[in-house]
């Protein structure tokens, strides 16, 4: 996994976006600021995608029509169209047309989230307005942003979708966040460079680790004859660890650079008192005191923090690590898929299926992203059986180490499918390690299930003994009295 042409293009334009941010955040005229940001964004699309940029603009124009002229169902129609177009976009070679480059694919992916999210935001604003008109809830009041979204112009949709911030690799942000960036004074008062420099200082390390480990453990070697003929089963199984580590370093580099585009432009800066959440923005109302005295506030960029690297690396469970990974995408999936899916029974599977579909058509994405459905029940069980009590005992440290190793083994074993992509390559690799995880996980689940039954039996026995002792103590107390 060496640096490709696409990687070089990403790094160049991400770096350019960071530099442009210093100039961009100091523009005070909102209209000029929007226009320049969009011109820069469109320029990136045209330079990187050339003729393939037609996909991006065509799908945008069709969705504009859907959002403008289909009110009640615009979110569902828009979702159906963009997801269908994403499939066409990725299978275009079947129709005799050239495949778009990787960066065009990323732009189309981000556009898909933005335009669908905007349609859902409009639907929510219209639903709220309908309740107000019908006096269903007298406490409801439309905000300034919701009033604009109700009848959003094509120009503002264009600015939102094609501003350079978040264009290439995200993070995803709502139209509400985009609107507030241009109308509130937070970007001009936050210490943007301090946050940006703190993030940037780690990027050389991630890139160095990526290049060094890629040289020692190239992914291509996992598909060579020598790997399968001359390497032991244990080495082949071990190879998933460096492969996934290399993948993490690549992702960390790209996501942190993308976050730095936001931070250096002041995008996503909010006072800490507003308790902003990733993807959503402030969880508290932005009152006049913040707008009148913006210089006195302490700011954070939680709204656009797409990945919590320390959380991914240090946490003990797969479930917790998922919460720290690609957080803005997970927010989009949670708000627009998970919470709105009609069946509670299948909403987790539906959410993960949409996530896999959004990533691409390769089988590896489905192996990897749907894999947690199998693994998480095991993790939930063994975390109950081997409970961590936060003491400094050897047992506690050993249990934490076991949890950490199991977490990264699951990530790495599922992640190799994401990297290999094609079903024949995935099957060939898994076959070479005798499908170890898919045998180990069910076996470990059965062991944990047996242990849990014994633990529950012992707990019931202990509870009964405690109740008996308590009754005896009460009887003794009565006799004494």
Foldseek 3Di string as FASTA:
>chain_A
DAQDPVNVLLVVLLVVLLVVLLVLLPDQQLVVSLVVLLVSLVVSLCVQFPVNCCLVVVLLVVLVCLLQPPQQCSLVVLLVSLLVSLQCLFCVVVVVDDRTDPQSLQLSLLLSLASSLLSVLLNVLVVLVVCCVVVVDVVGDRDPQSVCSVNPDSVLSSSRSRRNQQRRHDDHAYVVLVVCSSVFDQLVQAPLVVVLVVLVVCLVVLVVLLNVLCVVQPLVVLVDPCCLPPDDLVVLLVSLLSVVSSVVSSVSNSLSSSVSSCSSNSRQKDFVVQVQAARHGGPHDDDVVCRVCVNPGHIDNNNGQQADVCQLQQDQALVSNVCRHRPNVVVSLCPPQQVPPPDVVCSVVRSLVVVLSSVHDFPLSCLQSVVVVLQVVLVVLVCVLLPQPPDPDPSNVVSSVVSSVVNSSSNSLSVSSVVVRHPVSNCVSCVSSPVVCVVVSVVSSVVSVVSVVVVVVVVVVVVVVVVVVVVVVVVVVVVVD
